[in-house]
Amino acid sequence: QTSISKILKTIQIQQQPTQLDLSKENYLFQRLTTVASDTLSMSGQGYPARQTGMSRCSFRPSDDATVLPYLVPANAMAVVELRKLNDHLTSASQELMERNENNHDLSVVEEHFLTWAKQIRMDAVALADQIDEGIRTFGIVHSPAFPQGQENTVFAYEVDGYGSHILMDDANIPSLLSLPYLGYIAIDDPLYLRTRKAILSEANPFYFQGPTVEGTGGPHIGMGYVWPMSIIIRAMTSSDDVEIKHCLTMLKGTAMTTGVMHESVWYLNVTQFTRPWFAWANSLVGDFIYELAQTKPHLLE
């Protein structure tokens, strides 16, 4: 209970705009490094954030510092998980009340739990709605990736609430490509499909295409390195058998040297890689293959 309460409190604190109290910043991170993305700018504070309803993120899932304070895919994941928290606590509370009606009076501990759960559920739902509205208001922007006259709104990767935004995606999850995998949006939603199209193209500065592999990388390793994780997520968020089969072929190619998933591979030569064994990607590919075996076993033949 204490952990959940602290997590929600942290999310609420990080919703506060920079201008709320310029004499005090609730979160600072600064260290000596030669890598700019290993620390926060402005004396550890990071760039200013306007009130949006979203919660600030100082670091990306890749461990790189964010450029702008609101990381849209992380906020989308928060929306999903906060609503799940409400569902779980609702079920637990109902089960406890039903047991009480049939068997015994509530103990002091059980009464405390029900009171706590009611407040947490209210906070979780309110936070999810605020963050979701923030994403829909500030996290959807126009992209130059589409011809004039076509609908061109997409999810931004990061925003600040002032109008600045970053159009890109990073391989690490939560990412924009992974939004359906996270449960935030349907894989056939037009807004997601436009975002996906931009991500899997030169409109994404961290999308790389070589002779045998193509996909998203990110600043953590640098230019030219495709992360197999992004290929797995591409397949897991696709309903197109041809695309899924293409991803399977690429994944097998990236594993040709060691038989397992790497952190990243050089887009022109997949035998040049970082991390011979990357547990995150290996776990994810296992999940992907298991799902395929249940839903599309013909693609594994």
C-alpha atoms as a PDB file:
ATOM      1  CA  GLN A   1       0.000   0.000   0.000  1.00  0.00           C
ATOM      2  CA  THR A   2       2.791   2.402   0.891  1.00  0.00           C
ATOM      3  CA  SER A   3       4.559   1.803  -2.427  1.00  0.00           C
ATOM      4  CA  ILE A   4       1.426   2.389  -4.490  1.00  0.00           C
ATOM      5  CA  SER A   5       0.616   5.568  -2.570  1.00  0.00           C
ATOM      6  CA  LYS A   6       4.150   6.894  -3.094  1.00  0.00           C
ATOM      7  CA  ILE A   7       4.049   6.105  -6.812  1.00  0.00           C
ATOM      8  CA  LEU A   8       0.804   8.031  -7.262  1.00  0.00           C
ATOM      9  CA  LYS A   9       2.142  10.926  -5.199  1.00  0.00           C
ATOM     10  CA  THR A  10       5.272  11.063  -7.365  1.00  0.00           C
ATOM     11  CA  ILE A  11       3.167  11.148 -10.544  1.00  0.00           C
ATOM     12  CA  GLN A  12       1.096  13.981  -9.086  1.00  0.00           C
ATOM     13  CA  ILE A  13       4.180  15.981  -8.079  1.00  0.00           C
ATOM     14  CA  GLN A  14       5.665  15.548 -11.542  1.00  0.00           C
ATOM     15  CA  GLN A  15       2.478  16.968 -13.062  1.00  0.00           C
ATOM     16  CA  GLN A  16       3.348  20.349 -11.576  1.00  0.00           C
ATOM     17  CA  PRO A  17       4.659  22.975 -14.022  1.00  0.00           C
ATOM     18  CA  THR A  18       8.127  24.437 -13.609  1.00  0.00           C
ATOM     19  CA  GLN A  19       6.659  27.915 -13.086  1.00  0.00           C
ATOM     20  CA  LEU A  20       4.651  26.828 -10.026  1.00  0.00           C
ATOM     21  CA  ASP A  21       7.527  27.562  -7.644  1.00  0.00           C
ATOM     22  CA  LEU A  22      10.799  28.667  -9.225  1.00  0.00           C
ATOM     23  CA  SER A  23      12.556  28.581  -5.860  1.00  0.00           C
ATOM     24  CA  LYS A  24      11.945  24.857  -5.442  1.00  0.00           C
ATOM     25  CA  GLU A  25      12.273  21.861  -7.720  1.00  0.00           C
ATOM     26  CA  ASN A  26      10.995  18.525  -6.409  1.00  0.00           C
ATOM     27  CA  TYR A  27      13.334  16.410  -8.539  1.00  0.00           C
ATOM     28  CA  LEU A  28      16.935  17.129  -9.482  1.00  0.00           C
ATOM     29  CA  PHE A  29      19.508  14.850 -11.074  1.00  0.00           C
ATOM     30  CA  GLN A  30      23.020  15.902 -11.987  1.00  0.00           C
ATOM     31  CA  ARG A  31      26.359  14.113 -12.273  1.00  0.00           C
ATOM     32  CA  LEU A  32      29.762  14.542 -13.845  1.00  0.00           C
ATOM     33  CA  THR A  33      29.879  12.852 -17.244  1.00  0.00           C
ATOM     34  CA  THR A  34      31.172  13.297 -20.774  1.00  0.00           C
ATOM     35  CA  VAL A  35      27.852  12.011 -22.149  1.00  0.00           C
ATOM     36  CA  ALA A  36      25.214  14.745 -22.259  1.00  0.00           C
ATOM     37  CA  SER A  37      22.289  12.296 -22.104  1.00  0.00           C
ATOM     38  CA  ASP A  38      23.568  10.848 -18.803  1.00  0.00           C
ATOM     39  CA  THR A  39      22.528  13.917 -16.826  1.00  0.00           C
ATOM     40  CA  LEU A  40      19.902  16.669 -16.812  1.00  0.00           C
ATOM     41  CA  SER A  41      20.428  20.178 -18.100  1.00  0.00           C
ATOM     42  CA  MET A  42      19.816  23.406 -16.170  1.00  0.00           C
ATOM     43  CA  SER A  43      21.639  22.304 -13.018  1.00  0.00           C
ATOM     44  CA  GLY A  44      19.835  18.976 -12.895  1.00  0.00           C
ATOM     45  CA  GLN A  45      16.347  20.384 -13.360  1.00  0.00           C
ATOM     46  CA  GLY A  46      15.747  19.642 -17.034  1.00  0.00           C
ATOM     47  CA  TYR A  47      13.934  21.883 -19.495  1.00  0.00           C
ATOM     48  CA  PRO A  48      10.858  23.842 -18.331  1.00  0.00           C
ATOM     49  CA  ALA A  49       7.443  22.215 -18.398  1.00  0.00           C
ATOM     50  CA  ARG A  50       4.053  23.875 -18.729  1.00  0.00           C
ATOM     51  CA  GLN A  51       0.966  22.424 -17.017  1.00  0.00           C
ATOM     52  CA  THR A  52      -0.549  19.798 -19.350  1.00  0.00           C
ATOM     53  CA  GLY A  53      -2.005  17.076 -17.144  1.00  0.00           C
ATOM     54  CA  MET A  54       0.838  14.772 -18.130  1.00  0.00           C
ATOM     55  CA  SER A  55       3.596  13.805 -15.702  1.00  0.00           C
ATOM     56  CA  ARG A  56       7.201  14.790 -16.335  1.00  0.00           C
ATOM     57  CA  CYS A  57       9.829  12.166 -17.164  1.00  0.00           C
ATOM     58  CA  SER A  58      13.472  13.071 -16.724  1.00  0.00           C
ATOM     59  CA  PHE A  59      14.755   9.894 -18.399  1.00  0.00           C
ATOM     60  CA  ARG A  60      13.652   7.646 -21.229  1.00  0.00           C
ATOM     61  CA  PRO A  61      13.376   3.839 -20.910  1.00  0.00           C
ATOM     62  CA  SER A  62      16.774   3.700 -22.626  1.00  0.00           C
ATOM     63  CA  ASP A  63      18.231   5.541 -19.575  1.00  0.00           C
ATOM     64  CA  ASP A  64      18.943   8.594 -21.757  1.00  0.00           C
ATOM     65  CA  ALA A  65      17.774  11.948 -20.432  1.00  0.00           C
ATOM     66  CA  THR A  66      14.676  13.331 -22.093  1.00  0.00           C
ATOM     67  CA  VAL A  67      15.087  16.465 -24.181  1.00  0.00           C
ATOM     68  CA  LEU A  68      11.590  17.766 -23.424  1.00  0.00           C
ATOM     69  CA  PRO A  69       9.951  16.919 -20.096  1.00  0.00           C
ATOM     70  CA  TYR A  70       6.792  15.078 -21.156  1.00  0.00           C
ATOM     71  CA  LEU A  71       7.582  11.658 -22.633  1.00  0.00           C
ATOM     72  CA  VAL A  72       4.360  10.795 -24.458  1.00  0.00           C
ATOM     73  CA  PRO A  73       4.656   6.965 -24.636  1.00  0.00           C
ATOM     74  CA  ALA A  74       5.535   6.769 -20.938  1.00  0.00           C
ATOM     75  CA  ASN A  75       2.484   8.858 -20.099  1.00  0.00           C
ATOM     76  CA  ALA A  76       0.355   6.618 -22.316  1.00  0.00           C
ATOM     77  CA  MET A  77       1.622   3.587 -20.412  1.00  0.00           C
ATOM     78  CA  ALA A  78       0.765   5.339 -17.153  1.00  0.00           C
ATOM     79  CA  VAL A  79      -2.833   5.848 -18.343  1.00  0.00           C
ATOM     80  CA  VAL A  80      -3.196   2.121 -19.013  1.00  0.00           C
ATOM     81  CA  GLU A  81      -1.617   1.011 -15.740  1.00  0.00           C
ATOM     82  CA  LEU A  82      -3.520   3.510 -13.592  1.00  0.00           C
ATOM     83  CA  ARG A  83      -6.803   2.239 -15.012  1.00  0.00           C
ATOM     84  CA  LYS A  84      -5.681  -1.334 -14.391  1.00  0.00           C
ATOM     85  CA  LEU A  85      -4.883  -0.384 -10.802  1.00  0.00           C
ATOM     86  CA  ASN A  86      -8.445   0.876 -10.404  1.00  0.00           C
ATOM     87  CA  ASP A  87      -9.790  -2.389 -11.845  1.00  0.00           C
ATOM     88  CA  HIS A  88      -7.642  -4.568  -9.563  1.00  0.00           C
ATOM     89  CA  LEU A  89      -8.528  -2.621  -6.417  1.00  0.00           C
ATOM     90  CA  THR A  90     -12.208  -2.627  -7.351  1.00  0.00           C
ATOM     91  CA  SER A  91     -12.136  -6.420  -7.714  1.00  0.00           C
ATOM     92  CA  ALA A  92     -10.214  -6.880  -4.463  1.00  0.00           C
ATOM     93  CA  SER A  93     -12.606  -4.623  -2.562  1.00  0.00           C
ATOM     94  CA  GLN A  94     -15.674  -6.398  -3.948  1.00  0.00           C
ATOM     95  CA  GLU A  95     -14.225  -9.799  -3.067  1.00  0.00           C
ATOM     96  CA  LEU A  96     -13.494  -8.649   0.472  1.00  0.00           C
ATOM     97  CA  MET A  97     -17.026  -7.278   0.916  1.00  0.00           C
ATOM     98  CA  GLU A  98     -18.583 -10.481  -0.406  1.00  0.00           C
ATOM     99  CA  ARG A  99     -16.491 -12.581   2.000  1.00  0.00           C
ATOM    100  CA  ASN A 100     -17.575 -10.308   4.833  1.00  0.00           C
ATOM    101  CA  GLU A 101     -21.270 -10.700   3.998  1.00  0.00           C
ATOM    102  CA  ASN A 102     -20.965 -14.487   4.050  1.00  0.00           C
ATOM    103  CA  ASN A 103     -18.541 -15.177   6.857  1.00  0.00           C
ATOM    104  CA  HIS A 104     -17.487 -12.478   9.293  1.00  0.00           C
ATOM    105  CA  ASP A 105     -17.316  -8.847  10.227  1.00  0.00           C
ATOM    106  CA  LEU A 106     -14.523  -6.735   8.808  1.00  0.00           C
ATOM    107  CA  SER A 107     -11.332  -6.604  10.805  1.00  0.00           C
ATOM    108  CA  VAL A 108      -9.551  -3.317  11.489  1.00  0.00           C
ATOM    109  CA  VAL A 109      -6.980  -4.183   8.805  1.00  0.00           C
ATOM    110  CA  GLU A 110      -9.695  -4.950   6.254  1.00  0.00           C
ATOM    111  CA  GLU A 111     -11.551  -1.727   7.027  1.00  0.00           C
ATOM    112  CA  HIS A 112      -8.295   0.192   6.601  1.00  0.00           C
ATOM    113  CA  PHE A 113      -7.683  -1.500   3.245  1.00  0.00           C
ATOM    114  CA  LEU A 114     -11.153  -0.655   1.939  1.00  0.00           C
ATOM    115  CA  THR A 115     -10.799   2.996   2.957  1.00  0.00           C
ATOM    116  CA  TRP A 116      -7.330   3.194   1.413  1.00  0.00           C
ATOM    117  CA  ALA A 117      -8.396   1.384  -1.781  1.00  0.00           C
ATOM    118  CA  LYS A 118     -11.358   3.716  -2.299  1.00  0.00           C
ATOM    119  CA  GLN A 119      -9.120   6.785  -2.180  1.00  0.00           C
ATOM    120  CA  ILE A 120      -6.434   5.214  -4.362  1.00  0.00           C
ATOM    121  CA  ARG A 121      -9.026   4.198  -6.946  1.00  0.00           C
ATOM    122  CA  MET A 122     -10.338   7.765  -7.088  1.00  0.00           C
ATOM    123  CA  ASP A 123      -6.798   9.146  -7.423  1.00  0.00           C
ATOM    124  CA  ALA A 124      -5.825   6.596 -10.083  1.00  0.00           C
ATOM    125  CA  VAL A 125      -8.892   7.291 -12.243  1.00  0.00           C
ATOM    126  CA  ALA A 126      -8.432  11.058 -11.921  1.00  0.00           C
ATOM    127  CA  LEU A 127      -4.733  10.819 -12.805  1.00  0.00           C
ATOM    128  CA  ALA A 128      -5.393   8.552 -15.788  1.00  0.00           C
ATOM    129  CA  ASP A 129      -8.022  10.951 -17.138  1.00  0.00           C
ATOM    130  CA  GLN A 130      -5.800  14.016 -16.618  1.00  0.00           C
ATOM    131  CA  ILE A 131      -2.809  12.381 -18.311  1.00  0.00           C
ATOM    132  CA  ASP A 132      -4.900  11.042 -21.180  1.00  0.00           C
ATOM    133  CA  GLU A 133      -6.411  14.474 -21.793  1.00  0.00           C
ATOM    134  CA  GLY A 134      -2.914  15.956 -21.703  1.00  0.00           C
ATOM    135  CA  ILE A 135      -1.717  13.501 -24.348  1.00  0.00           C
ATOM    136  CA  ARG A 136      -4.713  14.242 -26.576  1.00  0.00           C
ATOM    137  CA  THR A 137      -4.333  18.017 -26.147  1.00  0.00           C
ATOM    138  CA  PHE A 138      -0.550  18.491 -26.222  1.00  0.00           C
ATOM    139  CA  GLY A 139       0.910  15.183 -27.468  1.00  0.00           C
ATOM    140  CA  ILE A 140      -0.687  15.082 -30.923  1.00  0.00           C
ATOM    141  CA  VAL A 141       1.012  17.333 -33.474  1.00  0.00           C
ATOM    142  CA  HIS A 142       1.343  17.893 -37.213  1.00  0.00           C
ATOM    143  CA  SER A 143       4.051  15.967 -39.048  1.00  0.00           C
ATOM    144  CA  PRO A 144       5.779  17.047 -42.272  1.00  0.00           C
ATOM    145  CA  ALA A 145       6.078  13.363 -43.232  1.00  0.00           C
ATOM    146  CA  PHE A 146       2.784  13.457 -45.149  1.00  0.00           C
ATOM    147  CA  PRO A 147       1.957  15.264 -48.427  1.00  0.00           C
ATOM    148  CA  GLN A 148       0.074  18.530 -48.224  1.00  0.00           C
ATOM    149  CA  GLY A 149      -3.651  17.968 -48.117  1.00  0.00           C
ATOM    150  CA  GLN A 150      -3.433  14.647 -46.261  1.00  0.00           C
ATOM    151  CA  GLU A 151      -4.268  14.214 -42.591  1.00  0.00           C
ATOM    152  CA  ASN A 152      -0.907  14.624 -40.881  1.00  0.00           C
ATOM    153  CA  THR A 153      -1.473  14.474 -37.126  1.00  0.00           C
ATOM    154  CA  VAL A 154       0.721  12.009 -35.220  1.00  0.00           C
ATOM    155  CA  PHE A 155       1.824  11.358 -31.659  1.00  0.00           C
ATOM    156  CA  ALA A 156       4.939  13.312 -30.713  1.00  0.00           C
ATOM    157  CA  TYR A 157       7.641  11.511 -28.757  1.00  0.00           C
ATOM    158  CA  GLU A 158       8.251  14.348 -26.296  1.00  0.00           C
ATOM    159  CA  VAL A 159       6.591  17.722 -25.684  1.00  0.00           C
ATOM    160  CA  ASP A 160       6.902  20.583 -23.195  1.00  0.00           C
ATOM    161  CA  GLY A 161       3.403  22.073 -23.229  1.00  0.00           C
ATOM    162  CA  TYR A 162       4.689  25.306 -24.734  1.00  0.00           C
ATOM    163  CA  GLY A 163       4.431  24.046 -28.308  1.00  0.00           C
ATOM    164  CA  SER A 164       7.864  22.471 -28.681  1.00  0.00           C
ATOM    165  CA  HIS A 165       7.824  18.813 -29.672  1.00  0.00           C
ATOM    166  CA  ILE A 166      10.132  16.067 -30.879  1.00  0.00           C
ATOM    167  CA  LEU A 167       9.123  13.848 -33.794  1.00  0.00           C
ATOM    168  CA  MET A 168      11.004  10.560 -33.401  1.00  0.00           C
ATOM    169  CA  ASP A 169      10.775   7.193 -31.743  1.00  0.00           C
ATOM    170  CA  ASP A 170      13.199   5.147 -29.677  1.00  0.00           C
ATOM    171  CA  ALA A 171      13.382   1.351 -29.725  1.00  0.00           C
ATOM    172  CA  ASN A 172      13.035   0.975 -25.970  1.00  0.00           C
ATOM    173  CA  ILE A 173       9.601   0.345 -24.478  1.00  0.00           C
ATOM    174  CA  PRO A 174       7.453   2.304 -23.827  1.00  0.00           C
ATOM    175  CA  SER A 175       7.754   3.695 -27.332  1.00  0.00           C
ATOM    176  CA  LEU A 176       5.260   5.172 -29.755  1.00  0.00           C
ATOM    177  CA  LEU A 177       5.472   2.024 -31.884  1.00  0.00           C
ATOM    178  CA  SER A 178       4.516  -0.043 -28.831  1.00  0.00           C
ATOM    179  CA  LEU A 179       1.330   1.899 -27.957  1.00  0.00           C
ATOM    180  CA  PRO A 180      -1.044  -0.955 -28.998  1.00  0.00           C
ATOM    181  CA  TYR A 181       1.190  -3.494 -27.236  1.00  0.00           C
ATOM    182  CA  LEU A 182       0.880  -1.396 -24.075  1.00  0.00           C
ATOM    183  CA  GLY A 183      -2.898  -1.350 -24.461  1.00  0.00           C
ATOM    184  CA  TYR A 184      -3.253   2.379 -25.044  1.00  0.00           C
ATOM    185  CA  ILE A 185      -4.635   2.357 -28.594  1.00  0.00           C
ATOM    186  CA  ALA A 186      -5.913  -0.102 -31.204  1.00  0.00           C
ATOM    187  CA  ILE A 187      -3.517  -1.257 -33.918  1.00  0.00           C
ATOM    188  CA  ASP A 188      -5.954  -0.067 -36.605  1.00  0.00           C
ATOM    189  CA  ASP A 189      -6.550   3.385 -35.132  1.00  0.00           C
ATOM    190  CA  PRO A 190      -5.855   5.959 -37.894  1.00  0.00           C
ATOM    191  CA  LEU A 191      -3.825   8.190 -35.563  1.00  0.00           C
ATOM    192  CA  TYR A 192      -1.616   5.263 -34.574  1.00  0.00           C
ATOM    193  CA  LEU A 193      -1.247   4.105 -38.186  1.00  0.00           C
ATOM    194  CA  ARG A 194      -0.050   7.556 -39.250  1.00  0.00           C
ATOM    195  CA  THR A 195       2.370   7.664 -36.334  1.00  0.00           C
ATOM    196  CA  ARG A 196       3.590   4.172 -37.202  1.00  0.00           C
ATOM    197  CA  LYS A 197       4.101   5.107 -40.856  1.00  0.00           C
ATOM    198  CA  ALA A 198       6.216   8.105 -39.856  1.00  0.00           C
ATOM    199  CA  ILE A 199       8.219   6.067 -37.324  1.00  0.00           C
ATOM    200  CA  LEU A 200       9.073   3.379 -39.879  1.00  0.00           C
ATOM    201  CA  SER A 201      10.438   5.881 -42.375  1.00  0.00           C
ATOM    202  CA  GLU A 202      13.103   8.515 -42.820  1.00  0.00           C
ATOM    203  CA  ALA A 203      10.802  10.914 -40.957  1.00  0.00           C
ATOM    204  CA  ASN A 204      12.152   9.247 -37.811  1.00  0.00           C
ATOM    205  CA  PRO A 205      15.799  10.308 -37.368  1.00  0.00           C
ATOM    206  CA  PHE A 206      16.510   7.017 -35.587  1.00  0.00           C
ATOM    207  CA  TYR A 207      15.107   4.708 -38.261  1.00  0.00           C
ATOM    208  CA  PHE A 208      17.801   2.872 -40.197  1.00  0.00           C
ATOM    209  CA  GLN A 209      17.478   0.611 -43.244  1.00  0.00           C
ATOM    210  CA  GLY A 210      20.200  -1.712 -44.479  1.00  0.00           C
ATOM    211  CA  PRO A 211      20.384  -4.649 -46.908  1.00  0.00           C
ATOM    212  CA  THR A 212      19.052  -7.258 -44.447  1.00  0.00           C
ATOM    213  CA  VAL A 213      17.632  -5.317 -41.522  1.00  0.00           C
ATOM    214  CA  GLU A 214      15.566  -2.201 -40.892  1.00  0.00           C
ATOM    215  CA  GLY A 215      14.171  -0.711 -37.726  1.00  0.00           C
ATOM    216  CA  THR A 216      14.427   1.839 -34.982  1.00  0.00           C
ATOM    217  CA  GLY A 217      17.443   2.562 -32.832  1.00  0.00           C
ATOM    218  CA  GLY A 218      18.046   5.546 -30.598  1.00  0.00           C
ATOM    219  CA  PRO A 219      20.611   7.889 -29.058  1.00  0.00           C
ATOM    220  CA  HIS A 220      21.701   5.362 -26.413  1.00  0.00           C
ATOM    221  CA  ILE A 221      23.919   3.411 -28.831  1.00  0.00           C
ATOM    222  CA  GLY A 222      23.931   5.934 -31.642  1.00  0.00           C
ATOM    223  CA  MET A 223      23.330   6.326 -35.327  1.00  0.00           C
ATOM    224  CA  GLY A 224      23.163   3.287 -37.593  1.00  0.00           C
ATOM    225  CA  TYR A 225      22.308   0.691 -34.941  1.00  0.00           C
ATOM    226  CA  VAL A 226      18.949  -1.091 -35.216  1.00  0.00           C
ATOM    227  CA  TRP A 227      17.546  -2.614 -32.037  1.00  0.00           C
ATOM    228  CA  PRO A 228      15.947  -6.059 -32.540  1.00  0.00           C
ATOM    229  CA  MET A 229      13.484  -5.012 -29.834  1.00  0.00           C
ATOM    230  CA  SER A 230      11.973  -2.545 -32.275  1.00  0.00           C
ATOM    231  CA  ILE A 231      11.571  -5.269 -34.896  1.00  0.00           C
ATOM    232  CA  ILE A 232       9.809  -7.508 -32.363  1.00  0.00           C
ATOM    233  CA  ILE A 233       7.423  -4.717 -31.373  1.00  0.00           C
ATOM    234  CA  ARG A 234       6.798  -3.899 -35.020  1.00  0.00           C
ATOM    235  CA  ALA A 235       5.682  -7.494 -35.556  1.00  0.00           C
ATOM    236  CA  MET A 236       3.630  -7.627 -32.356  1.00  0.00           C
ATOM    237  CA  THR A 237       1.713  -4.493 -33.379  1.00  0.00           C
ATOM    238  CA  SER A 238       0.986  -5.671 -36.923  1.00  0.00           C
ATOM    239  CA  SER A 239      -1.954  -7.626 -38.342  1.00  0.00           C
ATOM    240  CA  ASP A 240      -0.241  -8.081 -41.722  1.00  0.00           C
ATOM    241  CA  ASP A 241       1.146 -11.593 -42.191  1.00  0.00           C
ATOM    242  CA  VAL A 242       3.634 -10.385 -44.815  1.00  0.00           C
ATOM    243  CA  GLU A 243       5.026  -7.758 -42.462  1.00  0.00           C
ATOM    244  CA  ILE A 244       5.200 -10.192 -39.547  1.00  0.00           C
ATOM    245  CA  LYS A 245       7.017 -12.749 -41.705  1.00  0.00           C
ATOM    246  CA  HIS A 246       9.462 -10.033 -42.798  1.00  0.00           C
ATOM    247  CA  CYS A 247      10.158  -9.226 -39.158  1.00  0.00           C
ATOM    248  CA  LEU A 248      10.746 -12.907 -38.374  1.00  0.00           C
ATOM    249  CA  THR A 249      13.266 -13.122 -41.206  1.00  0.00           C
ATOM    250  CA  MET A 250      15.091 -10.037 -39.963  1.00  0.00           C
ATOM    251  CA  LEU A 251      15.153 -11.334 -36.377  1.00  0.00           C
ATOM    252  CA  LYS A 252      16.650 -14.644 -37.471  1.00  0.00           C
ATOM    253  CA  GLY A 253      19.271 -12.719 -39.390  1.00  0.00           C
ATOM    254  CA  THR A 254      20.246 -10.603 -36.393  1.00  0.00           C
ATOM    255  CA  ALA A 255      20.733 -13.773 -34.316  1.00  0.00           C
ATOM    256  CA  MET A 256      22.818 -15.607 -36.907  1.00  0.00           C
ATOM    257  CA  THR A 257      26.099 -15.189 -34.987  1.00  0.00           C
ATOM    258  CA  THR A 258      25.063 -16.238 -31.474  1.00  0.00           C
ATOM    259  CA  GLY A 259      21.534 -17.597 -31.807  1.00  0.00           C
ATOM    260  CA  VAL A 260      20.084 -14.999 -29.419  1.00  0.00           C
ATOM    261  CA  MET A 261      18.841 -11.428 -29.507  1.00  0.00           C
ATOM    262  CA  HIS A 262      21.311  -8.567 -29.195  1.00  0.00           C
ATOM    263  CA  GLU A 263      20.831  -5.066 -27.886  1.00  0.00           C
ATOM    264  CA  SER A 264      21.484  -3.584 -31.336  1.00  0.00           C
ATOM    265  CA  VAL A 265      23.010  -4.497 -34.700  1.00  0.00           C
ATOM    266  CA  TRP A 266      24.797  -2.361 -37.287  1.00  0.00           C
ATOM    267  CA  TYR A 267      22.360  -1.708 -40.115  1.00  0.00           C
ATOM    268  CA  LEU A 268      24.890  -2.613 -42.841  1.00  0.00           C
ATOM    269  CA  ASN A 269      26.294  -5.707 -41.117  1.00  0.00           C
ATOM    270  CA  VAL A 270      24.234  -7.586 -38.523  1.00  0.00           C
ATOM    271  CA  THR A 271      27.289  -9.504 -37.299  1.00  0.00           C
ATOM    272  CA  GLN A 272      28.470  -6.232 -35.769  1.00  0.00           C
ATOM    273  CA  PHE A 273      26.411  -5.835 -32.607  1.00  0.00           C
ATOM    274  CA  THR A 274      26.257  -4.585 -29.028  1.00  0.00           C
ATOM    275  CA  ARG A 275      25.651  -7.070 -26.185  1.00  0.00           C
ATOM    276  CA  PRO A 276      25.809 -10.694 -27.282  1.00  0.00           C
ATOM    277  CA  TRP A 277      22.896 -11.440 -24.962  1.00  0.00           C
ATOM    278  CA  PHE A 278      20.236  -8.816 -24.212  1.00  0.00           C
ATOM    279  CA  ALA A 279      17.752 -10.321 -21.751  1.00  0.00           C
ATOM    280  CA  TRP A 280      15.004  -7.779 -22.415  1.00  0.00           C
ATOM    281  CA  ALA A 281      14.913  -8.541 -26.143  1.00  0.00           C
ATOM    282  CA  ASN A 282      15.241 -12.291 -25.600  1.00  0.00           C
ATOM    283  CA  SER A 283      12.296 -12.286 -23.186  1.00  0.00           C
ATOM    284  CA  LEU A 284      10.252 -10.198 -25.596  1.00  0.00           C
ATOM    285  CA  VAL A 285      10.978 -12.415 -28.585  1.00  0.00           C
ATOM    286  CA  GLY A 286       9.933 -15.447 -26.523  1.00  0.00           C
ATOM    287  CA  ASP A 287       6.629 -13.730 -25.775  1.00  0.00           C
ATOM    288  CA  PHE A 288       6.239 -12.894 -29.467  1.00  0.00           C
ATOM    289  CA  ILE A 289       6.935 -16.439 -30.677  1.00  0.00           C
ATOM    290  CA  TYR A 290       4.579 -17.916 -28.082  1.00  0.00           C
ATOM    291  CA  GLU A 291       1.819 -15.540 -29.197  1.00  0.00           C
ATOM    292  CA  LEU A 292       2.406 -16.435 -32.846  1.00  0.00           C
ATOM    293  CA  ALA A 293       2.218 -20.133 -32.024  1.00  0.00           C
ATOM    294  CA  GLN A 294      -1.224 -19.530 -30.524  1.00  0.00           C
ATOM    295  CA  THR A 295      -2.632 -17.119 -33.115  1.00  0.00           C
ATOM    296  CA  LYS A 296      -0.703 -17.521 -36.391  1.00  0.00           C
ATOM    297  CA  PRO A 297       1.162 -20.847 -36.267  1.00  0.00           C
ATOM    298  CA  HIS A 298       1.420 -20.961 -40.067  1.00  0.00           C
ATOM    299  CA  LEU A 299       3.949 -18.112 -39.933  1.00  0.00           C
ATOM    300  CA  LEU A 300       6.349 -20.309 -37.952  1.00  0.00           C
ATOM    301  CA  GLU A 301       6.380 -23.133 -40.492  1.00  0.00           C
END
